Every structure is written in C-alpha cells, then in structure tokens.
Amino acid sequence: MAERVRVKALNPPGHVRAPWYLRGKQGVIERPLGTFSNPEQLAYGLAADGKPLYRVRFTMSEIWGEAAENPDDTLDAEIYGHWLERLDAHAP
C-alpha cells in the first residue's frame, strides 16, 4: 500500500523546493529516490544536510479541485522529506 503524505503548507522566506501549487495537497509516495544534499541550504552556500527525496504522485482533482479537466490523471513531483507530513502511521 502506498504511503499517503501531505506537502506542508509553509511559507518560509528564501529559496525553497516545494512548488506553491502542491503545498497543502495530499498525494502518495510513488517511490523513494535516495538521500541528497539539501538544496535549500546549498542555495546560500551553507553546509548541506542529507535529506531524503521522494517521488510523490498527486491526482489532478487533488491539485485543481473541480477545475481539473481530467480528475483521475496524475502528476509526479520530486519533494524532499522535510516538506512532507505522513498521513499514515509510518515516519519518513
């Protein structure tokens, strides 16, 4: 069973890597992609922590609501784990 997640609906200043249109939206983890240096830290020349990166799948109906032309179509986005809230019992 795929793990359900929500993209955190945060609005921090500066360089961030979570698309606006996905913040607060729910999806499922399609697969983990590994651990990578945090680009939000790298953008400022800081030492970067390793962060897990996930491919998350969203339905068009979740993203666009009733305005979705094809509600069951999906969009996959690569999102770092510190932007995700697990909706299931498992921790990232």
C-alpha atoms as a PDB file:
ATOM      1  CA  MET A   1       0.000   0.000   0.000  1.00  0.00           C
ATOM      2  CA  ALA A   2       1.363   3.431  -0.937  1.00  0.00           C
ATOM      3  CA  GLU A   3       2.067   5.849   1.892  1.00  0.00           C
ATOM      4  CA  ARG A   4      -0.131   8.927   1.918  1.00  0.00           C
ATOM      5  CA  VAL A   5       1.520  12.283   2.566  1.00  0.00           C
ATOM      6  CA  ARG A   6       0.662  15.967   2.608  1.00  0.00           C
ATOM      7  CA  VAL A   7       3.027  18.678   1.429  1.00  0.00           C
ATOM      8  CA  LYS A   8       3.492  21.118   4.298  1.00  0.00           C
ATOM      9  CA  ALA A   9       1.657  24.380   3.742  1.00  0.00           C
ATOM     10  CA  LEU A  10       4.567  26.543   4.867  1.00  0.00           C
ATOM     11  CA  ASN A  11       5.572  29.940   3.539  1.00  0.00           C
ATOM     12  CA  PRO A  12       9.198  30.394   4.608  1.00  0.00           C
ATOM     13  CA  PRO A  13      11.264  33.185   3.065  1.00  0.00           C
ATOM     14  CA  GLY A  14      14.075  32.450   0.647  1.00  0.00           C
ATOM     15  CA  HIS A  15      14.902  29.612  -1.694  1.00  0.00           C
ATOM     16  CA  VAL A  16      12.612  26.610  -1.142  1.00  0.00           C
ATOM     17  CA  ARG A  17      11.991  23.493  -3.177  1.00  0.00           C
ATOM     18  CA  ALA A  18       8.282  22.794  -2.713  1.00  0.00           C
ATOM     19  CA  PRO A  19       6.034  24.093  -5.501  1.00  0.00           C
ATOM     20  CA  TRP A  20       3.355  26.542  -4.350  1.00  0.00           C
ATOM     21  CA  TYR A  21       0.556  24.705  -6.118  1.00  0.00           C
ATOM     22  CA  LEU A  22       1.363  21.492  -4.190  1.00  0.00           C
ATOM     23  CA  ARG A  23       1.603  22.977  -0.689  1.00  0.00           C
ATOM     24  CA  GLY A  24      -1.174  21.611   1.499  1.00  0.00           C
ATOM     25  CA  LYS A  25      -2.056  18.939  -1.099  1.00  0.00           C
ATOM     26  CA  GLN A  26      -2.189  15.205  -0.433  1.00  0.00           C
ATOM     27  CA  GLY A  27      -0.525  12.545  -2.519  1.00  0.00           C
ATOM     28  CA  VAL A  28       1.107   9.135  -2.263  1.00  0.00           C
ATOM     29  CA  ILE A  29       4.772   8.277  -2.274  1.00  0.00           C
ATOM     30  CA  GLU A  30       5.431   6.619  -5.604  1.00  0.00           C
ATOM     31  CA  ARG A  31       8.984   5.726  -4.548  1.00  0.00           C
ATOM     32  CA  PRO A  32      11.977   6.969  -2.533  1.00  0.00           C
ATOM     33  CA  LEU A  33      14.801   8.368  -4.659  1.00  0.00           C
ATOM     34  CA  GLY A  34      17.647   8.397  -2.140  1.00  0.00           C
ATOM     35  CA  THR A  35      19.342  10.973   0.064  1.00  0.00           C
ATOM     36  CA  PHE A  36      20.713  14.195  -1.380  1.00  0.00           C
ATOM     37  CA  SER A  37      22.236  17.429  -0.095  1.00  0.00           C
ATOM     38  CA  ASN A  38      19.563  19.906   0.930  1.00  0.00           C
ATOM     39  CA  PRO A  39      19.286  22.393  -1.984  1.00  0.00           C
ATOM     40  CA  GLU A  40      17.692  24.974   0.311  1.00  0.00           C
ATOM     41  CA  GLN A  41      20.971  25.148   2.235  1.00  0.00           C
ATOM     42  CA  LEU A  42      23.181  24.854  -0.840  1.00  0.00           C
ATOM     43  CA  ALA A  43      21.460  27.895  -2.406  1.00  0.00           C
ATOM     44  CA  TYR A  44      23.008  30.039   0.353  1.00  0.00           C
ATOM     45  CA  GLY A  45      26.441  28.424   0.310  1.00  0.00           C
ATOM     46  CA  LEU A  46      25.799  26.600   3.591  1.00  0.00           C
ATOM     47  CA  ALA A  47      26.932  23.119   4.516  1.00  0.00           C
ATOM     48  CA  ALA A  48      24.047  20.923   3.394  1.00  0.00           C
ATOM     49  CA  ASP A  49      22.467  18.134   5.403  1.00  0.00           C
ATOM     50  CA  GLY A  50      21.452  14.959   3.612  1.00  0.00           C
ATOM     51  CA  LYS A  51      17.691  14.863   3.050  1.00  0.00           C
ATOM     52  CA  PRO A  52      15.588  12.022   1.637  1.00  0.00           C
ATOM     53  CA  LEU A  53      13.950  12.783  -1.693  1.00  0.00           C
ATOM     54  CA  TYR A  54      10.672  11.179  -2.762  1.00  0.00           C
ATOM     55  CA  ARG A  55       8.634  10.995  -5.935  1.00  0.00           C
ATOM     56  CA  VAL A  56       5.099  11.869  -4.854  1.00  0.00           C
ATOM     57  CA  ARG A  57       2.036  11.276  -7.029  1.00  0.00           C
ATOM     58  CA  PHE A  58      -0.936  13.648  -6.928  1.00  0.00           C
ATOM     59  CA  THR A  59      -4.255  13.404  -8.741  1.00  0.00           C
ATOM     60  CA  MET A  60      -5.373  16.380 -10.783  1.00  0.00           C
ATOM     61  CA  SER A  61      -8.554  16.513  -8.713  1.00  0.00           C
ATOM     62  CA  GLU A  62      -6.421  16.959  -5.552  1.00  0.00           C
ATOM     63  CA  ILE A  63      -4.402  19.749  -7.139  1.00  0.00           C
ATOM     64  CA  TRP A  64      -7.073  21.644  -9.087  1.00  0.00           C
ATOM     65  CA  GLY A  65     -10.338  20.529  -7.477  1.00  0.00           C
ATOM     66  CA  GLU A  66     -13.438  20.774  -9.660  1.00  0.00           C
ATOM     67  CA  ALA A  67     -11.476  22.755 -12.267  1.00  0.00           C
ATOM     68  CA  ALA A  68      -9.481  19.618 -13.198  1.00  0.00           C
ATOM     69  CA  GLU A  69     -10.287  18.637 -16.781  1.00  0.00           C
ATOM     70  CA  ASN A  70      -9.183  15.024 -16.197  1.00  0.00           C
ATOM     71  CA  PRO A  71      -9.554  14.465 -12.439  1.00  0.00           C
ATOM     72  CA  ASP A  72      -8.008  10.986 -12.425  1.00  0.00           C
ATOM     73  CA  ASP A  73      -4.859  11.990 -14.318  1.00  0.00           C
ATOM     74  CA  THR A  74      -1.766  12.262 -12.137  1.00  0.00           C
ATOM     75  CA  LEU A  75       1.259  14.455 -11.683  1.00  0.00           C
ATOM     76  CA  ASP A  76       4.510  13.221 -10.115  1.00  0.00           C
ATOM     77  CA  ALA A  77       6.767  15.654  -8.251  1.00  0.00           C
ATOM     78  CA  GLU A  78      10.079  15.111  -6.501  1.00  0.00           C
ATOM     79  CA  ILE A  79       9.812  16.526  -2.987  1.00  0.00           C
ATOM     80  CA  TYR A  80      12.250  16.422  -0.089  1.00  0.00           C
ATOM     81  CA  GLY A  81      11.135  14.593   3.045  1.00  0.00           C
ATOM     82  CA  HIS A  82      11.316  17.656   5.298  1.00  0.00           C
ATOM     83  CA  TRP A  83       8.422  19.108   3.242  1.00  0.00           C
ATOM     84  CA  LEU A  84       6.201  16.061   3.779  1.00  0.00           C
ATOM     85  CA  GLU A  85       3.806  15.126   6.568  1.00  0.00           C
ATOM     86  CA  ARG A  86       2.937  11.458   6.711  1.00  0.00           C
ATOM     87  CA  LEU A  87      -0.784  10.764   6.870  1.00  0.00           C
ATOM     88  CA  ASP A  88      -0.189   7.093   7.621  1.00  0.00           C
ATOM     89  CA  ALA A  89       1.408   5.654  10.748  1.00  0.00           C
ATOM     90  CA  HIS A  90       4.934   5.382   9.282  1.00  0.00           C
ATOM     91  CA  ALA A  91       7.525   8.124   9.794  1.00  0.00           C
ATOM     92  CA  PRO A  92       9.724   9.333   6.887  1.00  0.00           C
END
